[in-house]
Amino acid sequence: MTALERLAPGDLVNAVTRYRDALRDHREAINRLNVYPVPDGDTGTNMALTLDSVVAELDGVDGHMAAVCKALSHGSLMGARGNSGVILSQVLRGLADKFSQLDSVGPDELAAGLGAASEAAYKAVMRPVEGTILTVVRESAEGAERARAGGANLVEVLDASRSAGASALERTPELLPVLKQAGVVDAGGAGLLLLLDALLTVTDGRPIELAASVPESVAGVGRAARTPGDAAGAVSGAADCAGDAHDISGLRYEVMYLLEAPDHSIPAFKEVWAGIGDSIVVVGGDGLWNCHIHTDDIGAAVEAALDAGRPRRIRVTDLLEQVEEERWVREATGAAEEESDAWVGDPPTTAVVAVATGGGLRRIFRSLGVHQIVAGGQSMNPSTAQILEAVEAAPSQQVIVLPNNKNIVPVAEQVRSLTSKEVRVVPTSGIPEGFAALMAYDPESGADTNADAMREAAGRVISAEVTQAVRSARSDAGDIQAGDWLGISRDGIEVVSSDAEGAAQSLLQKLVSDDHEIVCIIEGEGSSAADTRRLTEWLSENHPGVTAEVHHGGQPLYPYLFSIE
């Protein structure tokens, strides 16, 4: 194809769409650049989901640059997921702000747009850290400006920007020790370079390849299958200031929400947040702000918003439990399509909607009286729209929602203002709590009565889980190698073991006492009848007063979930 001299509005839409497709195609490879040991999938997933929102917003806009840029800016603000998604949204909004008054974009305007994107990204982060996506976007902009000053054309400016960004990405391990120790480059920076690749595809016909975004020296590092001789990955909160790495020993929760507040109130809001957390990103303007923080104090993070204005779309993620696996979505969605949700008989006074994945879990929830099941789980968080759809389909005007995951609780809460039905959310943080809550469910009682009883029942449960490390790391429980089995409680990683049964038994040994009465064992993929029998025998020998109940849940990646009452 002939190289473009200027980008028309349609070319910009084409480039953004190709960028979305590239992030989808390479999401898992970008996720593997993360350094937390459990099978997480944040940076690539968050960037891809952010672009999904942008492309949806672009669908149907007219051919004028102003309309395209308005959709680009609004879609990225409203759809931003995670720290990397928020910063990426600022990059896109910086470009949109510079392009919105133009008919087309040439080399001068492109360089100016990249400069604005870099400036917006840095302003979004309260304590910027080099060696992250921030470094990559800044040096990409600097490369573009040098080329523009030398009289380069559009493709040459893009080429120079891409080359400077790639060099910056390759140096990120030298700037951020956690990356060097893990043997990877910054995941957000790798994802950002795909944007420049998409622009080069549209302007010059070049293919998009992740290999072009990740230096060859580290492209194969960070996968689940590591040998014992590989460098152990460390987990650092420093990387989190502009990415999505997690800190086992640091701040526990990620809090995000949209904040409707006057612009003059934001400096004071930021000061409050500076005292309660890290990885602070506050972006937006004209009364609407997208806010992100890592903190141990969820209540204070939300109260700060109430002092400034009105928060909405509140999302809380437990960074120790953040797990994403696309197969869960496919299998759970398929199971949902195969099941019939038609209610037979007289409607109850109060219906129940629950979030779950795994055929066994779904059957158990159905047997306990749940009327609608939404496919979802840890880091496979359903949208507000999906929960709303289930609430509307429930056969009653009063509905209880069991999110069964901390991340999903605030999303479920949003449904209450979107439906004419009377909705109560019982904030169950795991499947075991959901089961316990249903023990107190009375279909003929009202929503408030049920919510109080179910909340009390769920609060009596101690939840824990066993999963497998996908990469090496260090934790308070000891060094972790890829393939080790981890026992995790609400307090973090408690146990590191060479096998699932050993991790499960050691975890129960830490959590179960003679004061407890029931241990519910929920088997998932990777469990075995022999391992489960040994666990029940161990409980019988060591805690003869404790009753073990075994259920087959079929949940992926977690061979055992525990509920201790």
Protein backbone atom coordinates (compact mmCIF):
# COMPACT_ATOMS: atom_id res chain seq x y z
CA MET A 1 0.00 0.00 0.00
CA THR A 2 1.04 3.64 -0.44
CA ALA A 3 2.07 5.23 2.84
CA LEU A 4 -0.43 7.75 4.20
CA GLU A 5 0.63 11.35 4.53
CA ARG A 6 -2.15 12.24 6.98
CA LEU A 7 -4.59 10.32 9.21
CA ALA A 8 -8.26 10.93 8.41
CA PRO A 9 -10.95 10.24 11.05
CA GLY A 10 -11.66 6.84 9.51
CA ASP A 11 -7.98 5.97 9.66
CA LEU A 12 -7.91 6.77 13.39
CA VAL A 13 -10.94 4.53 14.00
CA ASN A 14 -9.27 1.78 11.96
CA ALA A 15 -6.08 2.07 14.01
CA VAL A 16 -7.91 1.96 17.35
CA THR A 17 -9.91 -1.07 16.22
CA ARG A 18 -6.72 -2.84 15.12
CA TYR A 19 -5.17 -1.97 18.46
CA ARG A 20 -8.13 -3.56 20.24
CA ASP A 21 -7.72 -6.68 18.13
CA ALA A 22 -3.97 -6.81 18.82
CA LEU A 23 -4.52 -6.55 22.58
CA ARG A 24 -7.06 -9.36 22.39
CA ASP A 25 -4.69 -11.53 20.37
CA HIS A 26 -1.71 -10.96 22.66
CA ARG A 27 -3.50 -10.55 25.98
CA GLU A 28 -2.16 -13.76 27.54
CA ALA A 29 1.41 -13.07 26.42
CA ILE A 30 1.25 -9.62 28.05
CA ASN A 31 -0.30 -11.15 31.17
CA ARG A 32 2.66 -13.51 31.44
CA LEU A 33 4.92 -10.52 31.96
CA ASN A 34 3.31 -10.01 35.37
CA VAL A 35 5.17 -11.24 38.41
CA TYR A 36 2.54 -12.43 40.94
CA PRO A 37 2.72 -16.24 41.40
CA VAL A 38 -0.94 -17.28 41.11
CA PRO A 39 -2.54 -17.54 37.65
CA ASP A 40 -3.40 -13.87 37.31
CA GLY A 41 -4.11 -12.05 34.08
CA ASP A 42 -4.39 -8.40 34.80
CA THR A 43 -2.37 -6.03 32.58
CA GLY A 44 -3.13 -7.53 29.18
CA THR A 45 -6.70 -8.25 30.18
CA ASN A 46 -7.30 -4.78 31.62
CA MET A 47 -5.88 -3.06 28.54
CA ALA A 48 -7.93 -5.25 26.20
CA LEU A 49 -11.15 -4.64 28.15
CA THR A 50 -10.47 -0.90 28.15
CA LEU A 51 -10.18 -0.93 24.36
CA ASP A 52 -13.35 -3.01 24.08
CA SER A 53 -15.19 -0.08 25.65
CA VAL A 54 -13.49 2.42 23.35
CA VAL A 55 -14.35 0.52 20.17
CA ALA A 56 -17.94 0.06 21.33
CA GLU A 57 -18.17 3.83 21.83
CA LEU A 58 -16.74 4.42 18.33
CA ASP A 59 -19.36 2.21 16.73
CA GLY A 60 -21.73 4.35 14.68
CA VAL A 61 -20.03 7.74 15.14
CA ASP A 62 -20.10 10.05 12.15
CA GLY A 63 -17.03 10.69 10.05
CA HIS A 64 -15.92 13.91 11.72
CA MET A 65 -12.73 14.02 13.78
CA ALA A 66 -14.47 15.80 16.67
CA ALA A 67 -17.04 13.01 17.03
CA VAL A 68 -14.36 10.31 16.79
CA CYS A 69 -12.23 12.01 19.44
CA LYS A 70 -15.22 12.54 21.75
CA ALA A 71 -16.03 8.83 21.56
CA LEU A 72 -12.36 7.90 22.04
CA SER A 73 -12.09 10.09 25.14
CA HIS A 74 -15.40 9.10 26.74
CA GLY A 75 -15.08 5.39 25.95
CA SER A 76 -11.61 5.17 27.44
CA LEU A 77 -12.61 7.02 30.61
CA MET A 78 -15.74 4.97 31.24
CA GLY A 79 -14.21 1.63 30.29
CA ALA A 80 -10.83 1.84 32.00
CA ARG A 81 -9.95 -1.34 33.93
CA GLY A 82 -7.09 -1.54 36.42
CA ASN A 83 -4.11 0.74 36.77
CA SER A 84 -2.80 0.02 33.29
CA GLY A 85 -6.23 0.62 31.76
CA VAL A 86 -6.59 3.95 33.54
CA ILE A 87 -3.19 5.14 32.34
CA LEU A 88 -3.91 3.87 28.82
CA SER A 89 -7.16 5.84 28.89
CA GLN A 90 -5.16 8.99 29.60
CA VAL A 91 -2.86 8.27 26.68
CA LEU A 92 -5.87 7.96 24.37
CA ARG A 93 -7.54 11.05 25.84
CA GLY A 94 -4.33 13.04 25.38
CA LEU A 95 -4.31 12.13 21.70
CA ALA A 96 -8.02 12.91 21.39
CA ASP A 97 -7.65 16.33 22.98
CA LYS A 98 -5.00 17.32 20.43
CA PHE A 99 -6.79 15.84 17.42
CA SER A 100 -10.38 16.90 18.14
CA GLN A 101 -10.23 20.26 16.35
CA LEU A 102 -8.46 18.92 13.26
CA ASP A 103 -9.73 17.57 9.95
CA SER A 104 -6.78 15.17 9.71
CA VAL A 105 -3.52 14.37 11.52
CA GLY A 106 -0.09 14.93 10.01
CA PRO A 107 3.41 14.50 11.45
CA ASP A 108 3.37 17.76 13.44
CA GLU A 109 -0.01 17.03 15.00
CA LEU A 110 0.90 13.42 15.75
CA ALA A 111 4.05 14.42 17.62
CA ALA A 112 2.08 17.02 19.57
CA GLY A 113 -0.58 14.42 20.37
CA LEU A 114 1.96 11.92 21.68
CA GLY A 115 3.47 14.65 23.82
CA ALA A 116 0.04 15.45 25.27
CA ALA A 117 -0.55 11.75 25.85
CA SER A 118 2.69 11.45 27.82
CA GLU A 119 1.88 14.54 29.88
CA ALA A 120 -1.62 13.26 30.67
CA ALA A 121 -0.30 9.85 31.70
CA TYR A 122 2.21 11.32 34.14
CA LYS A 123 -0.37 13.68 35.62
CA ALA A 124 -2.67 10.74 36.24
CA VAL A 125 -0.23 9.09 38.66
CA MET A 126 0.42 10.74 42.00
CA ARG A 127 3.84 9.14 42.41
CA PRO A 128 5.15 8.26 38.94
CA VAL A 129 7.68 5.43 38.75
CA GLU A 130 10.14 5.03 35.89
CA GLY A 131 10.54 1.62 34.33
CA THR A 132 6.81 1.40 33.68
CA ILE A 133 4.38 2.27 30.88
CA LEU A 134 5.05 5.92 31.79
CA THR A 135 8.66 5.66 30.66
CA VAL A 136 7.65 3.99 27.40
CA VAL A 137 5.02 6.60 26.49
CA ARG A 138 7.34 9.49 27.39
CA GLU A 139 10.29 8.25 25.37
CA SER A 140 7.99 7.37 22.46
CA ALA A 141 6.78 10.96 22.47
CA GLU A 142 10.33 12.28 22.65
CA GLY A 143 11.33 10.12 19.68
CA ALA A 144 8.39 11.46 17.67
CA GLU A 145 9.29 15.06 18.48
CA ARG A 146 12.92 14.60 17.41
CA ALA A 147 11.79 13.16 14.09
CA ARG A 148 9.23 15.93 13.56
CA ALA A 149 11.83 18.61 14.24
CA GLY A 150 13.99 17.03 11.55
CA GLY A 151 11.25 17.31 8.94
CA ALA A 152 10.11 13.67 8.97
CA ASN A 153 6.84 12.61 7.36
CA LEU A 154 3.99 10.84 9.17
CA VAL A 155 5.34 7.29 8.83
CA GLU A 156 8.85 8.40 9.77
CA VAL A 157 7.55 10.12 12.91
CA LEU A 158 5.67 6.96 13.87
CA ASP A 159 8.70 4.82 13.11
CA ALA A 160 10.93 6.98 15.30
CA SER A 161 8.37 6.95 18.08
CA ARG A 162 8.07 3.16 17.88
CA SER A 163 11.84 2.69 17.93
CA ALA A 164 12.31 4.98 20.94
CA GLY A 165 9.50 3.23 22.80
CA ALA A 166 10.98 -0.20 22.11
CA SER A 167 14.34 0.93 23.47
CA ALA A 168 12.65 2.30 26.57
CA LEU A 169 10.77 -0.98 27.07
CA GLU A 170 13.96 -3.00 26.87
CA ARG A 171 15.51 -0.80 29.56
CA THR A 172 12.60 -1.10 32.01
CA PRO A 173 14.27 -3.97 33.95
CA GLU A 174 17.24 -1.70 34.60
CA LEU A 175 14.96 0.98 36.02
CA LEU A 176 12.74 -1.27 38.12
CA PRO A 177 14.47 -4.03 40.13
CA VAL A 178 11.33 -6.16 40.44
CA LEU A 179 11.30 -6.57 36.65
CA LYS A 180 14.97 -7.42 36.47
CA GLN A 181 14.67 -10.00 39.22
CA ALA A 182 11.71 -11.63 37.45
CA GLY A 183 13.41 -11.45 34.05
CA VAL A 184 10.61 -9.55 32.30
CA VAL A 185 9.91 -6.13 30.82
CA ASP A 186 7.02 -3.92 31.90
CA ALA A 187 3.73 -5.44 30.75
CA GLY A 188 1.94 -2.11 30.31
CA GLY A 189 4.76 -0.76 28.18
CA ALA A 190 4.62 -3.84 25.96
CA GLY A 191 0.89 -3.32 25.51
CA LEU A 192 1.34 0.35 24.69
CA LEU A 193 3.74 -0.38 21.84
CA LEU A 194 0.97 -2.30 20.12
CA LEU A 195 -0.81 1.05 19.69
CA LEU A 196 2.11 2.39 17.67
CA ASP A 197 2.21 -0.88 15.73
CA ALA A 198 -1.48 -0.46 14.91
CA LEU A 199 -0.87 3.08 13.65
CA LEU A 200 2.00 1.82 11.49
CA THR A 201 -0.27 -0.90 10.10
CA VAL A 202 -2.83 1.68 9.00
CA THR A 203 -0.32 4.20 7.66
CA ASP A 204 2.28 1.85 6.12
CA GLY A 205 0.77 -1.65 5.97
CA ARG A 206 3.11 -3.21 8.54
CA PRO A 207 1.98 -6.34 10.43
CA ILE A 208 1.37 -6.30 14.17
CA GLU A 209 3.42 -8.82 16.12
CA LEU A 210 3.94 -9.00 19.85
CA ALA A 211 7.54 -10.07 19.20
CA ALA A 212 8.02 -6.52 17.98
CA SER A 213 6.74 -5.23 21.32
CA VAL A 214 8.73 -7.50 23.62
CA PRO A 215 12.54 -7.67 23.42
CA GLU A 216 13.78 -11.06 22.29
CA SER A 217 15.92 -11.42 25.40
CA VAL A 218 12.85 -11.60 27.61
CA ALA A 219 10.01 -12.58 25.27
CA GLY A 220 10.07 -16.18 26.46
CA VAL A 221 10.37 -15.43 30.15
CA GLY A 222 7.50 -15.23 32.59
CA ARG A 223 5.54 -18.22 31.33
CA ALA A 224 3.98 -20.68 33.74
CA ALA A 225 6.52 -23.42 33.04
CA ARG A 226 9.72 -22.22 34.64
CA THR A 227 12.61 -24.37 35.72
CA PRO A 228 13.91 -24.28 39.29
CA GLY A 229 17.00 -22.52 38.01
CA ASP A 230 15.09 -19.49 36.75
CA ALA A 231 15.35 -16.28 38.71
CA ALA A 232 12.67 -16.09 41.35
CA GLY A 233 10.19 -13.29 40.67
CA ALA A 234 9.80 -10.69 43.34
CA VAL A 235 6.57 -8.83 43.86
CA SER A 236 6.90 -5.10 44.36
CA GLY A 237 4.43 -2.33 45.01
CA ALA A 238 6.72 0.00 43.10
CA ALA A 239 5.77 -1.55 39.79
CA ASP A 240 2.16 -1.07 40.70
CA CYS A 241 2.43 2.70 40.49
CA ALA A 242 1.91 2.40 36.77
CA GLY A 243 1.15 -1.22 36.08
CA ASP A 244 -0.74 -4.13 37.53
CA ALA A 245 1.91 -6.11 39.43
CA HIS A 246 0.87 -7.16 42.92
CA ASP A 247 2.54 -6.96 46.29
CA ILE A 248 2.02 -9.93 48.60
CA SER A 249 3.29 -8.08 51.64
CA GLY A 250 1.96 -4.63 50.68
CA LEU A 251 -1.39 -2.99 50.14
CA ARG A 252 -4.18 -5.53 49.81
CA TYR A 253 -7.05 -3.95 47.87
CA GLU A 254 -7.50 -2.15 44.59
CA VAL A 255 -10.37 0.35 44.72
CA MET A 256 -11.72 1.98 41.58
CA TYR A 257 -14.75 4.15 40.90
CA LEU A 258 -16.10 6.98 38.82
CA LEU A 259 -16.42 10.17 40.86
CA GLU A 260 -18.85 12.96 40.05
CA ALA A 261 -17.27 15.95 41.76
CA PRO A 262 -16.40 19.57 40.98
CA ASP A 263 -12.89 20.00 39.64
CA HIS A 264 -11.85 22.27 42.52
CA SER A 265 -12.47 19.46 45.05
CA ILE A 266 -9.99 17.06 43.48
CA PRO A 267 -6.71 18.40 44.97
CA ALA A 268 -8.07 17.89 48.51
CA PHE A 269 -9.41 14.47 47.52
CA LYS A 270 -5.95 13.47 46.27
CA GLU A 271 -4.37 14.62 49.53
CA VAL A 272 -6.68 12.35 51.52
CA TRP A 273 -5.87 9.42 49.26
CA ALA A 274 -2.14 10.09 49.54
CA GLY A 275 -2.40 9.28 53.24
CA ILE A 276 -4.15 5.93 52.86
CA GLY A 277 -2.59 4.19 49.87
CA ASP A 278 -0.40 3.95 46.83
CA SER A 279 -0.70 3.50 43.05
CA ILE A 280 -2.99 6.52 43.02
CA VAL A 281 -4.44 7.51 39.66
CA VAL A 282 -7.10 10.22 39.35
CA VAL A 283 -8.01 11.25 35.80
CA GLY A 284 -10.80 13.14 34.12
CA GLY A 285 -12.25 16.62 34.29
CA ASP A 286 -15.42 18.66 33.85
CA GLY A 287 -16.99 17.02 36.87
CA LEU A 288 -16.27 13.35 36.08
CA TRP A 289 -13.18 11.51 37.36
CA ASN A 290 -11.89 7.96 37.10
CA CYS A 291 -10.15 7.09 40.38
CA HIS A 292 -7.81 4.20 41.28
CA ILE A 293 -5.90 3.38 44.47
CA HIS A 294 -4.23 0.44 46.24
CA THR A 295 -5.02 0.54 49.95
CA ASP A 296 -5.71 -1.50 53.06
CA ASP A 297 -8.62 0.78 54.03
CA ILE A 298 -11.52 0.36 51.61
CA GLY A 299 -13.86 2.40 53.78
CA ALA A 300 -11.59 5.45 53.86
CA ALA A 301 -11.03 5.24 50.11
CA VAL A 302 -14.78 5.43 49.49
CA GLU A 303 -15.50 7.98 52.23
CA ALA A 304 -13.06 10.39 50.57
CA ALA A 305 -15.26 10.29 47.47
CA LEU A 306 -18.40 10.98 49.50
CA ASP A 307 -16.72 14.08 50.92
CA ALA A 308 -15.85 15.31 47.42
CA GLY A 309 -18.95 14.29 45.47
CA ARG A 310 -20.78 11.16 44.35
CA PRO A 311 -18.96 7.89 43.59
CA ARG A 312 -20.47 5.30 41.28
CA ARG A 313 -19.43 2.04 39.64
CA ILE A 314 -17.38 1.25 42.74
CA ARG A 315 -15.14 -1.77 42.13
CA VAL A 316 -13.00 -3.42 44.83
CA THR A 317 -10.43 -6.11 43.97
CA ASP A 318 -8.61 -8.28 46.46
CA LEU A 319 -5.14 -8.30 44.93
CA LEU A 320 -4.32 -11.66 46.51
CA GLU A 321 -7.34 -13.27 44.90
CA GLN A 322 -7.19 -11.68 41.47
CA VAL A 323 -7.33 -14.55 38.98
CA GLU A 324 -8.41 -14.50 35.36
CA GLU A 325 -8.79 -17.45 33.07
CA GLU A 326 -10.76 -17.04 29.85
CA ARG A 327 -11.65 -20.73 29.75
CA TRP A 328 -13.77 -20.19 32.87
CA VAL A 329 -15.82 -17.66 30.96
CA ARG A 330 -16.29 -19.95 27.98
CA GLU A 331 -17.22 -22.98 30.05
CA ALA A 332 -19.44 -21.12 32.48
CA THR A 333 -21.19 -19.25 29.67
CA GLY A 334 -21.70 -22.50 27.79
CA ALA A 335 -23.16 -24.11 30.90
CA ALA A 336 -25.45 -21.14 31.38
CA GLU A 337 -26.70 -21.43 27.80
CA GLU A 338 -27.40 -25.14 28.24
CA GLU A 339 -29.41 -24.67 31.44
CA SER A 340 -33.02 -23.60 31.44
CA ASP A 341 -33.71 -20.68 33.77
CA ALA A 342 -37.46 -20.86 33.28
CA TRP A 343 -39.21 -20.84 36.65
CA VAL A 344 -41.95 -23.42 37.10
CA GLY A 345 -44.63 -22.86 39.71
CA ASP A 346 -45.76 -19.90 41.80
CA PRO A 347 -43.10 -17.19 42.22
CA PRO A 348 -41.51 -16.91 45.68
CA THR A 349 -41.78 -13.73 47.68
CA THR A 350 -38.01 -13.30 47.35
CA ALA A 351 -35.85 -14.80 44.59
CA VAL A 352 -32.07 -15.30 44.64
CA VAL A 353 -29.39 -14.51 42.02
CA ALA A 354 -25.91 -15.96 42.55
CA VAL A 355 -22.56 -15.65 40.74
CA ALA A 356 -20.66 -18.90 40.20
CA THR A 357 -18.68 -21.00 37.73
CA GLY A 358 -18.23 -24.77 37.60
CA GLY A 359 -20.95 -27.29 36.85
CA GLY A 360 -21.00 -28.73 40.37
CA LEU A 361 -21.27 -25.30 41.99
CA ARG A 362 -24.13 -24.36 39.72
CA ARG A 363 -26.01 -27.56 40.58
CA ILE A 364 -25.48 -26.99 44.31
CA PHE A 365 -26.72 -23.42 44.08
CA ARG A 366 -29.78 -24.60 42.15
CA SER A 367 -30.48 -27.24 44.79
CA LEU A 368 -30.28 -24.59 47.52
CA GLY A 369 -32.96 -22.48 45.85
CA VAL A 370 -31.08 -20.07 43.56
CA HIS A 371 -33.22 -18.94 40.63
CA GLN A 372 -30.68 -17.23 38.34
CA ILE A 373 -26.93 -17.90 38.07
CA VAL A 374 -24.51 -15.42 36.51
CA ALA A 375 -21.29 -16.87 35.10
CA GLY A 376 -18.35 -15.40 36.98
CA GLY A 377 -15.74 -15.72 39.69
CA GLN A 378 -12.33 -14.46 40.67
CA SER A 379 -11.12 -11.86 38.17
CA MET A 380 -13.80 -13.19 35.86
CA ASN A 381 -16.08 -10.45 37.05
CA PRO A 382 -19.48 -10.11 35.37
CA SER A 383 -20.62 -6.67 34.37
CA THR A 384 -23.39 -4.70 36.00
CA ALA A 385 -25.46 -5.36 32.89
CA GLN A 386 -25.12 -9.14 33.28
CA ILE A 387 -26.22 -9.08 36.91
CA LEU A 388 -29.06 -6.69 36.05
CA GLU A 389 -30.24 -9.07 33.34
CA ALA A 390 -30.37 -11.93 35.85
CA VAL A 391 -32.24 -9.78 38.39
CA GLU A 392 -34.82 -8.80 35.78
CA ALA A 393 -35.24 -12.47 34.82
CA ALA A 394 -35.75 -13.59 38.43
CA PRO A 395 -39.38 -14.58 39.12
CA SER A 396 -40.01 -12.08 41.94
CA GLN A 397 -40.14 -8.35 42.57
CA GLN A 398 -37.83 -8.82 45.58
CA VAL A 399 -34.38 -10.25 44.83
CA ILE A 400 -31.32 -11.22 46.87
CA VAL A 401 -27.97 -11.12 45.02
CA LEU A 402 -25.04 -13.28 46.18
CA PRO A 403 -21.87 -11.97 44.46
CA ASN A 404 -19.64 -14.68 46.01
CA ASN A 405 -16.53 -12.58 45.38
CA LYS A 406 -15.28 -9.32 46.91
CA ASN A 407 -14.64 -7.86 43.46
CA ILE A 408 -18.25 -8.38 42.42
CA VAL A 409 -19.95 -6.95 45.52
CA PRO A 410 -19.73 -3.27 44.47
CA VAL A 411 -20.81 -4.14 40.92
CA ALA A 412 -23.88 -5.93 42.28
CA GLU A 413 -24.69 -2.91 44.45
CA GLN A 414 -25.01 -0.77 41.32
CA VAL A 415 -27.94 -2.88 40.14
CA ARG A 416 -30.17 -1.58 42.92
CA SER A 417 -30.53 1.83 41.25
CA LEU A 418 -31.04 0.39 37.76
CA THR A 419 -34.14 -1.72 38.33
CA SER A 420 -37.66 -1.19 39.64
CA LYS A 421 -37.28 -4.38 41.68
CA GLU A 422 -36.37 -4.36 45.35
CA VAL A 423 -32.80 -5.71 45.39
CA ARG A 424 -30.64 -6.54 48.39
CA VAL A 425 -26.99 -7.56 48.06
CA VAL A 426 -25.61 -9.97 50.65
CA PRO A 427 -21.85 -9.27 50.36
CA THR A 428 -20.58 -12.85 50.16
CA SER A 429 -16.86 -12.86 49.33
CA GLY A 430 -16.60 -16.51 48.27
CA ILE A 431 -18.54 -19.60 47.28
CA PRO A 432 -18.51 -21.05 50.83
CA GLU A 433 -20.12 -17.88 52.16
CA GLY A 434 -22.74 -18.12 49.44
CA PHE A 435 -23.60 -21.67 50.50
CA ALA A 436 -23.78 -20.62 54.14
CA ALA A 437 -26.04 -17.68 53.33
CA LEU A 438 -28.48 -19.94 51.51
CA MET A 439 -28.89 -22.06 54.64
CA ALA A 440 -30.77 -19.08 56.09
CA TYR A 441 -32.80 -18.28 52.94
CA ASP A 442 -36.60 -18.35 53.26
CA PRO A 443 -38.32 -17.91 49.87
CA GLU A 444 -41.54 -16.75 51.53
CA SER A 445 -39.91 -13.99 53.59
CA GLY A 446 -39.23 -10.50 52.31
CA ALA A 447 -35.93 -9.23 50.96
CA ASP A 448 -34.93 -7.31 54.09
CA THR A 449 -35.61 -10.24 56.42
CA ASN A 450 -33.71 -12.61 54.14
CA ALA A 451 -30.80 -10.22 53.69
CA ASP A 452 -30.31 -9.83 57.45
CA ALA A 453 -30.46 -13.58 58.10
CA MET A 454 -28.27 -14.52 55.14
CA ARG A 455 -25.67 -11.89 55.97
CA GLU A 456 -25.41 -13.19 59.52
CA ALA A 457 -25.06 -16.79 58.30
CA ALA A 458 -22.36 -15.85 55.79
CA GLY A 459 -20.40 -13.97 58.45
CA ARG A 460 -19.88 -17.11 60.48
CA VAL A 461 -17.76 -18.71 57.75
CA ILE A 462 -13.95 -18.74 57.35
CA SER A 463 -12.99 -19.16 53.69
CA ALA A 464 -9.74 -20.53 52.25
CA GLU A 465 -8.48 -22.01 48.98
CA VAL A 466 -5.73 -23.98 47.28
CA THR A 467 -4.30 -23.07 43.88
CA GLN A 468 -1.09 -23.54 41.88
CA ALA A 469 1.64 -20.97 41.28
CA VAL A 470 2.22 -20.12 37.63
CA ARG A 471 5.50 -18.30 38.21
CA SER A 472 8.22 -17.99 40.81
CA ALA A 473 8.00 -15.44 43.59
CA ARG A 474 8.72 -14.83 47.26
CA SER A 475 6.19 -14.68 50.07
CA ASP A 476 6.04 -14.64 53.87
CA ALA A 477 5.29 -18.37 53.67
CA GLY A 478 8.55 -19.03 51.81
CA ASP A 479 10.02 -18.96 48.30
CA ILE A 480 7.61 -20.00 45.57
CA GLN A 481 8.52 -21.85 42.38
CA ALA A 482 6.26 -22.19 39.38
CA GLY A 483 4.20 -25.33 39.92
CA ASP A 484 4.13 -25.11 43.72
CA TRP A 485 0.79 -25.37 45.44
CA LEU A 486 -0.38 -22.45 47.57
CA GLY A 487 -2.77 -22.40 50.53
CA ILE A 488 -4.40 -18.98 50.74
CA SER A 489 -6.61 -17.47 53.42
CA ARG A 490 -8.05 -13.99 53.73
CA ASP A 491 -4.75 -12.97 55.30
CA GLY A 492 -2.72 -13.98 52.23
CA ILE A 493 -0.50 -16.89 51.25
CA GLU A 494 -0.26 -19.18 54.27
CA VAL A 495 1.31 -22.34 52.81
CA VAL A 496 3.68 -23.34 50.01
CA SER A 497 3.74 -27.06 49.16
CA SER A 498 4.90 -29.40 46.42
CA ASP A 499 1.45 -30.99 46.07
CA ALA A 500 -2.19 -29.94 46.36
CA GLU A 501 -3.07 -32.33 49.18
CA GLY A 502 -0.10 -31.17 51.25
CA ALA A 503 -1.08 -27.53 50.76
CA ALA A 504 -4.68 -28.31 51.69
CA GLN A 505 -3.78 -30.22 54.85
CA SER A 506 -1.27 -27.59 56.01
CA LEU A 507 -3.81 -24.87 55.37
CA LEU A 508 -6.47 -26.64 57.41
CA GLN A 509 -3.92 -27.19 60.17
CA LYS A 510 -3.41 -23.43 60.38
CA LEU A 511 -7.08 -22.49 60.27
CA VAL A 512 -9.11 -25.23 61.99
CA SER A 513 -9.40 -25.42 65.77
CA ASP A 514 -11.47 -27.51 68.16
CA ASP A 515 -13.85 -24.55 68.50
CA HIS A 516 -15.05 -25.14 64.95
CA GLU A 517 -17.91 -27.49 64.13
CA ILE A 518 -18.03 -27.94 60.34
CA VAL A 519 -15.44 -27.94 57.54
CA CYS A 520 -17.01 -27.86 54.10
CA ILE A 521 -14.62 -29.17 51.42
CA ILE A 522 -15.52 -28.15 47.86
CA GLU A 523 -13.61 -30.20 45.29
CA GLY A 524 -12.55 -28.58 42.03
CA GLU A 525 -10.47 -29.53 39.03
CA GLY A 526 -7.19 -31.09 40.18
CA SER A 527 -8.58 -32.72 43.31
CA SER A 528 -8.77 -36.49 43.71
CA ALA A 529 -10.91 -38.86 45.76
CA ALA A 530 -7.78 -40.19 47.48
CA ASP A 531 -6.55 -36.70 48.45
CA THR A 532 -9.99 -35.75 49.73
CA ARG A 533 -10.22 -38.94 51.79
CA ARG A 534 -6.86 -38.20 53.41
CA LEU A 535 -8.07 -34.69 54.27
CA THR A 536 -11.22 -36.01 55.93
CA GLU A 537 -9.21 -38.65 57.79
CA TRP A 538 -6.78 -36.01 59.00
CA LEU A 539 -9.68 -33.89 60.27
CA SER A 540 -11.20 -36.90 62.03
CA GLU A 541 -7.93 -37.76 63.77
CA ASN A 542 -6.90 -34.24 64.75
CA HIS A 543 -10.29 -32.61 65.35
CA PRO A 544 -12.75 -35.40 66.18
CA GLY A 545 -15.45 -32.89 67.07
CA VAL A 546 -15.39 -31.32 63.63
CA THR A 547 -17.69 -32.66 60.90
CA ALA A 548 -16.35 -32.73 57.33
CA GLU A 549 -18.79 -32.17 54.46
CA VAL A 550 -17.57 -32.84 50.91
CA HIS A 551 -19.12 -31.35 47.76
CA HIS A 552 -17.98 -31.53 44.15
CA GLY A 553 -17.91 -28.00 42.73
CA GLY A 554 -15.95 -28.52 39.52
CA GLN A 555 -14.39 -25.06 39.73
CA PRO A 556 -11.25 -24.62 37.56
CA LEU A 557 -7.78 -23.81 38.93
CA TYR A 558 -8.84 -24.30 42.56
CA PRO A 559 -8.80 -28.00 43.53
CA TYR A 560 -10.06 -27.14 47.00
CA LEU A 561 -12.21 -24.42 48.49
CA PHE A 562 -12.84 -24.56 52.24
CA SER A 563 -15.60 -23.23 54.43
CA ILE A 564 -14.93 -23.42 58.17
CA GLU A 565 -17.75 -22.71 60.62
